[in-house]
PDB file of N, CA and C in Angstrom:
ATOM      1  N   MET A   1     -16.318  12.170 -19.756  1.00  0.00           N
ATOM      2  CA  MET A   1     -15.221  11.861 -19.882  1.00  0.00           C
ATOM      3  C   MET A   1     -14.310  11.732 -18.411  1.00  0.00           C
ATOM      4  N   ARG A   2     -13.753  10.463 -18.242  1.00  0.00           N
ATOM      5  CA  ARG A   2     -13.026  10.183 -16.955  1.00  0.00           C
ATOM      6  C   ARG A   2     -11.589  10.793 -17.103  1.00  0.00           C
ATOM      7  N   PRO A   3     -11.238  11.479 -15.826  1.00  0.00           N
ATOM      8  CA  PRO A   3      -9.854  12.016 -15.868  1.00  0.00           C
ATOM      9  C   PRO A   3      -8.907  10.961 -16.071  1.00  0.00           C
ATOM     10  N   LYS A   4      -7.871  11.332 -16.441  1.00  0.00           N
ATOM     11  CA  LYS A   4      -6.775  10.306 -16.994  1.00  0.00           C
ATOM     12  C   LYS A   4      -5.607  10.728 -15.962  1.00  0.00           C
ATOM     13  N   THR A   5      -4.860   9.679 -15.331  1.00  0.00           N
ATOM     14  CA  THR A   5      -3.771   9.788 -14.569  1.00  0.00           C
ATOM     15  C   THR A   5      -2.405   9.286 -15.520  1.00  0.00           C
ATOM     16  N   ARG A   6      -1.298  10.181 -15.425  1.00  0.00           N
ATOM     17  CA  ARG A   6      -0.248   9.718 -16.243  1.00  0.00           C
ATOM     18  C   ARG A   6       0.754   8.733 -15.334  1.00  0.00           C
ATOM     19  N   THR A   7       1.053   7.519 -15.689  1.00  0.00           N
ATOM     20  CA  THR A   7       1.876   6.648 -15.064  1.00  0.00           C
ATOM     21  C   THR A   7       3.267   6.371 -16.057  1.00  0.00           C
ATOM     22  N   ALA A   8       4.005   5.596 -15.386  1.00  0.00           N
ATOM     23  CA  ALA A   8       5.384   5.435 -16.128  1.00  0.00           C
ATOM     24  C   ALA A   8       4.910   4.505 -17.367  1.00  0.00           C
ATOM     25  N   ILE A   9       3.979   3.826 -17.524  1.00  0.00           N
ATOM     26  CA  ILE A   9       3.756   2.988 -18.784  1.00  0.00           C
ATOM     27  C   ILE A   9       2.599   3.416 -19.813  1.00  0.00           C
ATOM     28  N   GLY A  10       2.072   4.845 -19.498  1.00  0.00           N
ATOM     29  CA  GLY A  10       1.086   5.447 -20.402  1.00  0.00           C
ATOM     30  C   GLY A  10       0.052   5.863 -19.542  1.00  0.00           C
ATOM     31  N   MET A  11      -1.162   6.128 -20.225  1.00  0.00           N
ATOM     32  CA  MET A  11      -2.334   6.923 -19.919  1.00  0.00           C
ATOM     33  C   MET A  11      -3.324   5.697 -19.166  1.00  0.00           C
ATOM     34  N   HIS A  12      -3.720   5.853 -18.182  1.00  0.00           N
ATOM     35  CA  HIS A  12      -4.712   4.786 -17.853  1.00  0.00           C
ATOM     36  C   HIS A  12      -6.038   5.773 -17.066  1.00  0.00           C
ATOM     37  N   THR A  13      -7.267   5.110 -17.289  1.00  0.00           N
ATOM     38  CA  THR A  13      -8.173   5.648 -16.476  1.00  0.00           C
ATOM     39  C   THR A  13      -8.413   5.115 -14.979  1.00  0.00           C
ATOM     40  N   MET A  14      -9.045   6.164 -14.236  1.00  0.00           N
ATOM     41  CA  MET A  14      -9.092   5.564 -12.752  1.00  0.00           C
ATOM     42  C   MET A  14      -9.597   4.274 -12.645  1.00  0.00           C
ATOM     43  N   SER A  15     -10.663   3.881 -13.705  1.00  0.00           N
ATOM     44  CA  SER A  15     -11.314   2.539 -13.469  1.00  0.00           C
ATOM     45  C   SER A  15     -10.204   1.476 -13.810  1.00  0.00           C
ATOM     46  N   ASP A  16      -9.372   1.833 -14.808  1.00  0.00           N
ATOM     47  CA  ASP A  16      -7.989   0.878 -15.069  1.00  0.00           C
ATOM     48  C   ASP A  16      -7.352   0.691 -13.852  1.00  0.00           C
ATOM     49  N   MET A  17      -7.134   1.620 -12.919  1.00  0.00           N
ATOM     50  CA  MET A  17      -6.341   1.568 -11.749  1.00  0.00           C
ATOM     51  C   MET A  17      -7.079   0.823 -10.895  1.00  0.00           C
ATOM     52  N   ARG A  18      -8.314   0.860 -10.645  1.00  0.00           N
ATOM     53  CA  ARG A  18      -9.196   0.131  -9.535  1.00  0.00           C
ATOM     54  C   ARG A  18      -9.218  -1.358  -9.908  1.00  0.00           C
ATOM     55  N   ARG A  19      -9.072  -1.588 -11.315  1.00  0.00           N
ATOM     56  CA  ARG A  19      -9.223  -3.117 -11.831  1.00  0.00           C
ATOM     57  C   ARG A  19      -7.906  -3.938 -10.976  1.00  0.00           C
ATOM     58  N   PHE A  20      -6.738  -3.072 -10.525  1.00  0.00           N
ATOM     59  CA  PHE A  20      -5.539  -3.568 -10.017  1.00  0.00           C
ATOM     60  C   PHE A  20      -5.595  -3.508  -8.545  1.00  0.00           C
ATOM     61  N   SER A  21      -6.367  -2.739  -7.822  1.00  0.00           N
ATOM     62  CA  SER A  21      -6.518  -2.687  -6.595  1.00  0.00           C
ATOM     63  C   SER A  21      -6.794  -3.639  -5.577  1.00  0.00           C
ATOM     64  N   GLY A  22      -7.370  -4.770  -6.108  1.00  0.00           N
ATOM     65  CA  GLY A  22      -8.095  -5.665  -5.206  1.00  0.00           C
ATOM     66  C   GLY A  22      -7.195  -6.917  -5.487  1.00  0.00           C
ATOM     67  N   ARG A  23      -7.821  -7.792  -5.073  1.00  0.00           N
ATOM     68  CA  ARG A  23      -7.245  -9.257  -4.967  1.00  0.00           C
ATOM     69  C   ARG A  23      -6.777  -9.589  -6.609  1.00  0.00           C
ATOM     70  N   GLY A  24      -5.791 -10.327  -6.469  1.00  0.00           N
ATOM     71  CA  GLY A  24      -5.039 -10.535  -7.869  1.00  0.00           C
ATOM     72  C   GLY A  24      -4.201 -11.878  -7.665  1.00  0.00           C
ATOM     73  N   VAL A  25      -3.969 -12.526  -8.753  1.00  0.00           N
ATOM     74  CA  VAL A  25      -3.039 -13.531  -8.916  1.00  0.00           C
ATOM     75  C   VAL A  25      -1.892 -13.153  -9.417  1.00  0.00           C
ATOM     76  N   TYR A  26      -0.506 -13.471  -8.959  1.00  0.00           N
ATOM     77  CA  TYR A  26       0.653 -12.886  -9.410  1.00  0.00           C
ATOM     78  C   TYR A  26       1.525 -14.124  -9.480  1.00  0.00           C
ATOM     79  N   GLU A  27       2.348 -13.998 -10.652  1.00  0.00           N
ATOM     80  CA  GLU A  27       3.719 -14.935 -11.055  1.00  0.00           C
ATOM     81  C   GLU A  27       4.797 -13.997 -10.649  1.00  0.00           C
ATOM     82  N   ILE A  28       5.799 -14.179  -9.812  1.00  0.00           N
ATOM     83  CA  ILE A  28       7.073 -13.504  -9.610  1.00  0.00           C
ATOM     84  C   ILE A  28       8.267 -14.373  -9.892  1.00  0.00           C
ATOM     85  N   ARG A  29       8.859 -13.946 -10.783  1.00  0.00           N
ATOM     86  CA  ARG A  29      10.195 -14.728 -10.824  1.00  0.00           C
ATOM     87  C   ARG A  29      11.434 -13.947 -10.380  1.00  0.00           C
ATOM     88  N   VAL A  30      12.300 -14.704  -9.587  1.00  0.00           N
ATOM     89  CA  VAL A  30      13.457 -14.176  -9.023  1.00  0.00           C
ATOM     90  C   VAL A  30      14.556 -15.075  -9.533  1.00  0.00           C
ATOM     91  N   LYS A  31      15.641 -14.398  -9.312  1.00  0.00           N
ATOM     92  CA  LYS A  31      17.170 -15.082  -9.397  1.00  0.00           C
ATOM     93  C   LYS A  31      17.491 -15.912  -8.265  1.00  0.00           C
ATOM     94  N   GLY A  32      17.799 -17.163  -8.124  1.00  0.00           N
ATOM     95  CA  GLY A  32      18.261 -17.706  -7.005  1.00  0.00           C
ATOM     96  C   GLY A  32      17.249 -18.840  -6.746  1.00  0.00           C
ATOM     97  N   ASN A  33      17.810 -19.939  -5.942  1.00  0.00           N
ATOM     98  CA  ASN A  33      16.816 -20.906  -5.790  1.00  0.00           C
ATOM     99  C   ASN A  33      16.211 -21.121  -4.515  1.00  0.00           C
ATOM    100  N   LEU A  34      14.918 -21.104  -4.043  1.00  0.00           N
ATOM    101  CA  LEU A  34      14.229 -20.976  -3.086  1.00  0.00           C
ATOM    102  C   LEU A  34      13.906 -22.488  -2.702  1.00  0.00           C
ATOM    103  N   ASP A  35      14.086 -22.833  -1.457  1.00  0.00           N
ATOM    104  CA  ASP A  35      13.438 -24.329  -1.064  1.00  0.00           C
ATOM    105  C   ASP A  35      12.016 -23.985  -1.039  1.00  0.00           C
ATOM    106  N   LEU A  36      11.392 -25.179  -1.131  1.00  0.00           N
ATOM    107  CA  LEU A  36       9.918 -25.008  -0.998  1.00  0.00           C
ATOM    108  C   LEU A  36       9.339 -24.978   0.218  1.00  0.00           C
ATOM    109  N   ARG A  37      10.149 -24.789   1.299  1.00  0.00           N
ATOM    110  CA  ARG A  37       9.812 -24.635   2.605  1.00  0.00           C
ATOM    111  C   ARG A  37       9.602 -23.083   2.902  1.00  0.00           C
ATOM    112  N   TRP A  38      10.238 -22.262   2.121  1.00  0.00           N
ATOM    113  CA  TRP A  38       9.549 -20.780   2.157  1.00  0.00           C
ATOM    114  C   TRP A  38       8.295 -20.505   1.878  1.00  0.00           C
ATOM    115  N   SER A  39       7.575 -21.279   1.357  1.00  0.00           N
ATOM    116  CA  SER A  39       6.210 -21.031   0.762  1.00  0.00           C
ATOM    117  C   SER A  39       5.378 -20.323   2.003  1.00  0.00           C
ATOM    118  N   ASP A  40       5.423 -20.888   3.218  1.00  0.00           N
ATOM    119  CA  ASP A  40       4.690 -20.198   4.435  1.00  0.00           C
ATOM    120  C   ASP A  40       5.006 -18.679   4.500  1.00  0.00           C
ATOM    121  N   TRP A  41       6.248 -18.580   4.533  1.00  0.00           N
ATOM    122  CA  TRP A  41       6.922 -17.095   4.697  1.00  0.00           C
ATOM    123  C   TRP A  41       6.350 -16.279   3.702  1.00  0.00           C
ATOM    124  N   PHE A  42       6.173 -16.680   2.357  1.00  0.00           N
ATOM    125  CA  PHE A  42       5.775 -15.944   1.295  1.00  0.00           C
ATOM    126  C   PHE A  42       4.228 -16.193   1.234  1.00  0.00           C
ATOM    127  N   ASP A  43       3.545 -16.118   2.502  1.00  0.00           N
ATOM    128  CA  ASP A  43       2.318 -16.064   2.312  1.00  0.00           C
ATOM    129  C   ASP A  43       1.371 -17.278   1.564  1.00  0.00           C
ATOM    130  N   GLY A  44       2.140 -18.239   1.587  1.00  0.00           N
ATOM    131  CA  GLY A  44       1.576 -19.488   0.918  1.00  0.00           C
ATOM    132  C   GLY A  44       1.410 -19.523  -0.597  1.00  0.00           C
ATOM    133  N   PHE A  45       2.277 -18.683  -1.113  1.00  0.00           N
ATOM    134  CA  PHE A  45       2.679 -18.865  -2.435  1.00  0.00           C
ATOM    135  C   PHE A  45       3.361 -19.990  -2.932  1.00  0.00           C
ATOM    136  N   SER A  46       3.081 -20.489  -3.843  1.00  0.00           N
ATOM    137  CA  SER A  46       3.751 -21.947  -4.545  1.00  0.00           C
ATOM    138  C   SER A  46       5.173 -21.507  -4.971  1.00  0.00           C
ATOM    139  N   ILE A  47       5.996 -22.236  -4.803  1.00  0.00           N
ATOM    140  CA  ILE A  47       7.377 -21.910  -5.138  1.00  0.00           C
ATOM    141  C   ILE A  47       7.936 -23.183  -5.850  1.00  0.00           C
ATOM    142  N   ALA A  48       8.174 -22.741  -7.228  1.00  0.00           N
ATOM    143  CA  ALA A  48       8.611 -23.810  -8.149  1.00  0.00           C
ATOM    144  C   ALA A  48      10.310 -23.332  -8.686  1.00  0.00           C
ATOM    145  N   PRO A  49      11.081 -24.349  -8.705  1.00  0.00           N
ATOM    146  CA  PRO A  49      12.236 -24.005  -9.510  1.00  0.00           C
ATOM    147  C   PRO A  49      12.143 -23.910 -10.826  1.00  0.00           C
ATOM    148  N   VAL A  50      12.958 -23.238 -11.474  1.00  0.00           N
ATOM    149  CA  VAL A  50      13.133 -23.032 -12.909  1.00  0.00           C
ATOM    150  C   VAL A  50      14.385 -22.894 -13.552  1.00  0.00           C
ATOM    151  N   GLY A  51      14.677 -23.478 -14.770  1.00  0.00           N
ATOM    152  CA  GLY A  51      15.857 -23.712 -15.064  1.00  0.00           C
ATOM    153  C   GLY A  51      16.843 -22.315 -14.774  1.00  0.00           C
ATOM    154  N   ASP A  52      18.120 -22.589 -14.694  1.00  0.00           N
ATOM    155  CA  ASP A  52      19.241 -21.730 -14.849  1.00  0.00           C
ATOM    156  C   ASP A  52      19.077 -20.825 -13.699  1.00  0.00           C
ATOM    157  N   ASP A  53      18.856 -21.510 -12.301  1.00  0.00           N
ATOM    158  CA  ASP A  53      19.123 -20.748 -11.071  1.00  0.00           C
ATOM    159  C   ASP A  53      18.042 -19.417 -10.905  1.00  0.00           C
ATOM    160  N   GLU A  54      16.618 -19.944 -11.038  1.00  0.00           N
ATOM    161  CA  GLU A  54      15.509 -18.952 -10.790  1.00  0.00           C
ATOM    162  C   GLU A  54      14.390 -19.717 -10.158  1.00  0.00           C
ATOM    163  N   THR A  55      13.616 -18.906  -9.600  1.00  0.00           N
ATOM    164  CA  THR A  55      12.450 -19.519  -9.026  1.00  0.00           C
ATOM    165  C   THR A  55      11.206 -18.767  -9.196  1.00  0.00           C
ATOM    166  N   LEU A  56       9.998 -19.367  -9.527  1.00  0.00           N
ATOM    167  CA  LEU A  56       8.847 -18.884  -9.901  1.00  0.00           C
ATOM    168  C   LEU A  56       7.917 -19.049  -8.554  1.00  0.00           C
ATOM    169  N   LEU A  57       7.393 -17.865  -7.831  1.00  0.00           N
ATOM    170  CA  LEU A  57       6.579 -17.714  -6.986  1.00  0.00           C
ATOM    171  C   LEU A  57       5.023 -17.520  -7.636  1.00  0.00           C
ATOM    172  N   THR A  58       4.005 -18.208  -7.415  1.00  0.00           N
ATOM    173  CA  THR A  58       2.926 -17.907  -7.713  1.00  0.00           C
ATOM    174  C   THR A  58       1.688 -17.901  -6.687  1.00  0.00           C
ATOM    175  N   GLY A  59       0.908 -17.031  -6.531  1.00  0.00           N
ATOM    176  CA  GLY A  59      -0.113 -16.892  -5.616  1.00  0.00           C
ATOM    177  C   GLY A  59      -1.119 -15.802  -5.747  1.00  0.00           C
ATOM    178  N   SER A  60      -1.996 -15.739  -4.775  1.00  0.00           N
ATOM    179  CA  SER A  60      -2.843 -14.685  -4.551  1.00  0.00           C
ATOM    180  C   SER A  60      -2.617 -13.618  -3.524  1.00  0.00           C
ATOM    181  N   VAL A  61      -2.795 -12.121  -3.968  1.00  0.00           N
ATOM    182  CA  VAL A  61      -2.727 -11.252  -2.744  1.00  0.00           C
ATOM    183  C   VAL A  61      -3.888 -10.733  -2.753  1.00  0.00           C
ATOM    184  N   ALA A  62      -4.114  -9.952  -1.354  1.00  0.00           N
ATOM    185  CA  ALA A  62      -5.447  -9.472  -1.166  1.00  0.00           C
ATOM    186  C   ALA A  62      -5.560  -8.228  -2.249  1.00  0.00           C
ATOM    187  N   ASP A  63      -4.428  -7.397  -2.222  1.00  0.00           N
ATOM    188  CA  ASP A  63      -4.353  -6.047  -2.637  1.00  0.00           C
ATOM    189  C   ASP A  63      -2.935  -5.612  -3.017  1.00  0.00           C
ATOM    190  N   GLN A  64      -3.012  -4.457  -3.560  1.00  0.00           N
ATOM    191  CA  GLN A  64      -1.459  -3.987  -3.818  1.00  0.00           C
ATOM    192  C   GLN A  64      -0.569  -3.836  -2.762  1.00  0.00           C
ATOM    193  N   ALA A  65      -1.187  -3.451  -1.569  1.00  0.00           N
ATOM    194  CA  ALA A  65      -0.319  -3.189  -0.202  1.00  0.00           C
ATOM    195  C   ALA A  65       0.270  -4.857   0.098  1.00  0.00           C
ATOM    196  N   ALA A  66      -0.461  -5.561  -0.109  1.00  0.00           N
ATOM    197  CA  ALA A  66      -0.161  -7.088   0.206  1.00  0.00           C
ATOM    198  C   ALA A  66       1.040  -7.477  -0.848  1.00  0.00           C
ATOM    199  N   LEU A  67       0.838  -6.970  -2.225  1.00  0.00           N
ATOM    200  CA  LEU A  67       1.881  -7.410  -3.191  1.00  0.00           C
ATOM    201  C   LEU A  67       3.118  -6.775  -2.908  1.00  0.00           C
ATOM    202  N   HIS A  68       3.108  -5.309  -2.489  1.00  0.00           N
ATOM    203  CA  HIS A  68       4.299  -4.734  -1.959  1.00  0.00           C
ATOM    204  C   HIS A  68       5.080  -5.434  -0.796  1.00  0.00           C
ATOM    205  N   GLY A  69       4.172  -5.854   0.071  1.00  0.00           N
ATOM    206  CA  GLY A  69       4.837  -6.509   1.433  1.00  0.00           C
ATOM    207  C   GLY A  69       5.727  -7.723   1.006  1.00  0.00           C
ATOM    208  N   LEU A  70       5.082  -8.400  -0.122  1.00  0.00           N
ATOM    209  CA  LEU A  70       5.619  -9.714  -0.744  1.00  0.00           C
ATOM    210  C   LEU A  70       6.986  -9.376  -1.573  1.00  0.00           C
ATOM    211  N   LEU A  71       6.857  -8.208  -2.194  1.00  0.00           N
ATOM    212  CA  LEU A  71       7.988  -7.683  -2.717  1.00  0.00           C
ATOM    213  C   LEU A  71       9.257  -7.278  -1.759  1.00  0.00           C
ATOM    214  N   HIS A  72       8.921  -6.853  -0.689  1.00  0.00           N
ATOM    215  CA  HIS A  72       9.645  -6.547   0.244  1.00  0.00           C
ATOM    216  C   HIS A  72      10.436  -7.739   0.905  1.00  0.00           C
ATOM    217  N   LYS A  73       9.773  -8.637   1.145  1.00  0.00           N
ATOM    218  CA  LYS A  73      10.348  -9.881   1.566  1.00  0.00           C
ATOM    219  C   LYS A  73      11.320 -10.416   0.536  1.00  0.00           C
ATOM    220  N   ILE A  74      11.083 -10.301  -0.731  1.00  0.00           N
ATOM    221  CA  ILE A  74      12.106 -10.771  -1.652  1.00  0.00           C
ATOM    222  C   ILE A  74      13.289  -9.769  -1.652  1.00  0.00           C
ATOM    223  N   ARG A  75      12.982  -8.576  -1.458  1.00  0.00           N
ATOM    224  CA  ARG A  75      14.294  -7.652  -1.231  1.00  0.00           C
ATOM    225  C   ARG A  75      14.940  -7.924  -0.071  1.00  0.00           C
ATOM    226  N   ASP A  76      14.364  -8.257   1.054  1.00  0.00           N
ATOM    227  CA  ASP A  76      15.072  -8.354   2.183  1.00  0.00           C
ATOM    228  C   ASP A  76      15.921  -9.611   2.042  1.00  0.00           C
ATOM    229  N   LEU A  77      15.503 -10.671   1.388  1.00  0.00           N
ATOM    230  CA  LEU A  77      16.342 -11.820   1.143  1.00  0.00           C
ATOM    231  C   LEU A  77      17.401 -11.590   0.075  1.00  0.00           C
ATOM    232  N   GLY A  78      17.387 -10.443  -0.603  1.00  0.00           N
ATOM    233  CA  GLY A  78      18.592 -10.106  -1.370  1.00  0.00           C
ATOM    234  C   GLY A  78      18.199 -10.882  -2.886  1.00  0.00           C
ATOM    235  N   LEU A  79      17.094 -11.271  -3.225  1.00  0.00           N
ATOM    236  CA  LEU A  79      16.887 -12.081  -4.311  1.00  0.00           C
ATOM    237  C   LEU A  79      16.757 -10.934  -5.332  1.00  0.00           C
ATOM    238  N   PRO A  80      17.462 -10.788  -6.428  1.00  0.00           N
ATOM    239  CA  PRO A  80      17.084 -10.086  -7.633  1.00  0.00           C
ATOM    240  C   PRO A  80      15.804 -10.536  -8.259  1.00  0.00           C
ATOM    241  N   LEU A  81      15.073  -9.431  -8.451  1.00  0.00           N
ATOM    242  CA  LEU A  81      13.709  -9.629  -8.923  1.00  0.00           C
ATOM    243  C   LEU A  81      13.711  -9.477 -10.526  1.00  0.00           C
ATOM    244  N   LEU A  82      13.268 -10.717 -11.219  1.00  0.00           N
ATOM    245  CA  LEU A  82      13.305 -10.624 -12.642  1.00  0.00           C
ATOM    246  C   LEU A  82      12.068 -10.296 -13.349  1.00  0.00           C
ATOM    247  N   THR A  83      10.815 -10.717 -12.911  1.00  0.00           N
ATOM    248  CA  THR A  83       9.800 -10.311 -13.530  1.00  0.00           C
ATOM    249  C   THR A  83       8.475 -10.278 -12.340  1.00  0.00           C
ATOM    250  N   VAL A  84       7.629  -9.529 -12.591  1.00  0.00           N
ATOM    251  CA  VAL A  84       6.447  -9.524 -11.691  1.00  0.00           C
ATOM    252  C   VAL A  84       5.143  -9.540 -12.594  1.00  0.00           C
ATOM    253  N   GLN A  85       4.199 -10.585 -12.944  1.00  0.00           N
ATOM    254  CA  GLN A  85       3.197 -10.676 -13.919  1.00  0.00           C
ATOM    255  C   GLN A  85       1.611 -10.966 -13.218  1.00  0.00           C
ATOM    256  N   ARG A  86       0.895  -9.989 -13.354  1.00  0.00           N
ATOM    257  CA  ARG A  86      -0.403 -10.360 -12.852  1.00  0.00           C
ATOM    258  C   ARG A  86      -1.199 -11.372 -13.720  1.00  0.00           C
ATOM    259  N   LEU A  87      -1.605 -12.435 -13.453  1.00  0.00           N
ATOM    260  CA  LEU A  87      -2.316 -13.571 -14.115  1.00  0.00           C
ATOM    261  C   LEU A  87      -3.927 -13.154 -14.354  1.00  0.00           C
ATOM    262  N   GLU A  88      -4.572 -13.398 -15.597  1.00  0.00           N
ATOM    263  CA  GLU A  88      -5.890 -13.037 -15.584  1.00  0.00           C
ATOM    264  C   GLU A  88      -6.580 -14.092 -14.860  1.00  0.00           C
ATOM    265  N   GLU A  89      -7.583 -13.466 -14.268  1.00  0.00           N
ATOM    266  CA  GLU A  89      -8.536 -14.463 -13.514  1.00  0.00           C
ATOM    267  C   GLU A  89      -9.188 -15.517 -14.550  1.00  0.00           C
ATOM    268  N   LYS A  90      -9.639 -16.534 -13.903  1.00  0.00           N
ATOM    269  CA  LYS A  90     -10.513 -17.669 -14.685  1.00  0.00           C
ATOM    270  C   LYS A  90     -11.728 -16.866 -15.151  1.00  0.00           C
ATOM    271  N   GLY A  91     -12.155 -17.092 -16.435  1.00  0.00           N
ATOM    272  CA  GLY A  91     -13.564 -16.522 -16.951  1.00  0.00           C
ATOM    273  C   GLY A  91     -13.125 -15.120 -17.347  1.00  0.00           C
ATOM    274  N   GLY A  92     -11.902 -14.679 -17.655  1.00  0.00           N
ATOM    275  CA  GLY A  92     -11.614 -13.535 -18.325  1.00  0.00           C
ATOM    276  C   GLY A  92     -11.458 -12.137 -17.404  1.00  0.00           C
ATOM    277  N   GLY A  93     -11.828 -12.349 -16.167  1.00  0.00           N
ATOM    278  CA  GLY A  93     -11.665 -11.420 -15.316  1.00  0.00           C
ATOM    279  C   GLY A  93     -10.651 -10.575 -14.691  1.00  0.00           C
TER     280      GLY A  93
END
């Protein structure tokens, strides 16, 4: 039986946690409008305006450290973070 680690959202096995430690594709929604020219600063994430003064950033990060770096950039701009969602890899991965 694998040891379990308690997290804020429940119980996960270590293999569950490793699933999120590598490369992943994320959608990040923020409050505010970002110009498309910010894409390079956000590590090549695509930037799409969405209704009612929101922006959707979508792209790939190498690992959790890179994701946190991206979230720090959002914080440094003073943009309120609305959602962060990891997208399923094509092929169910």
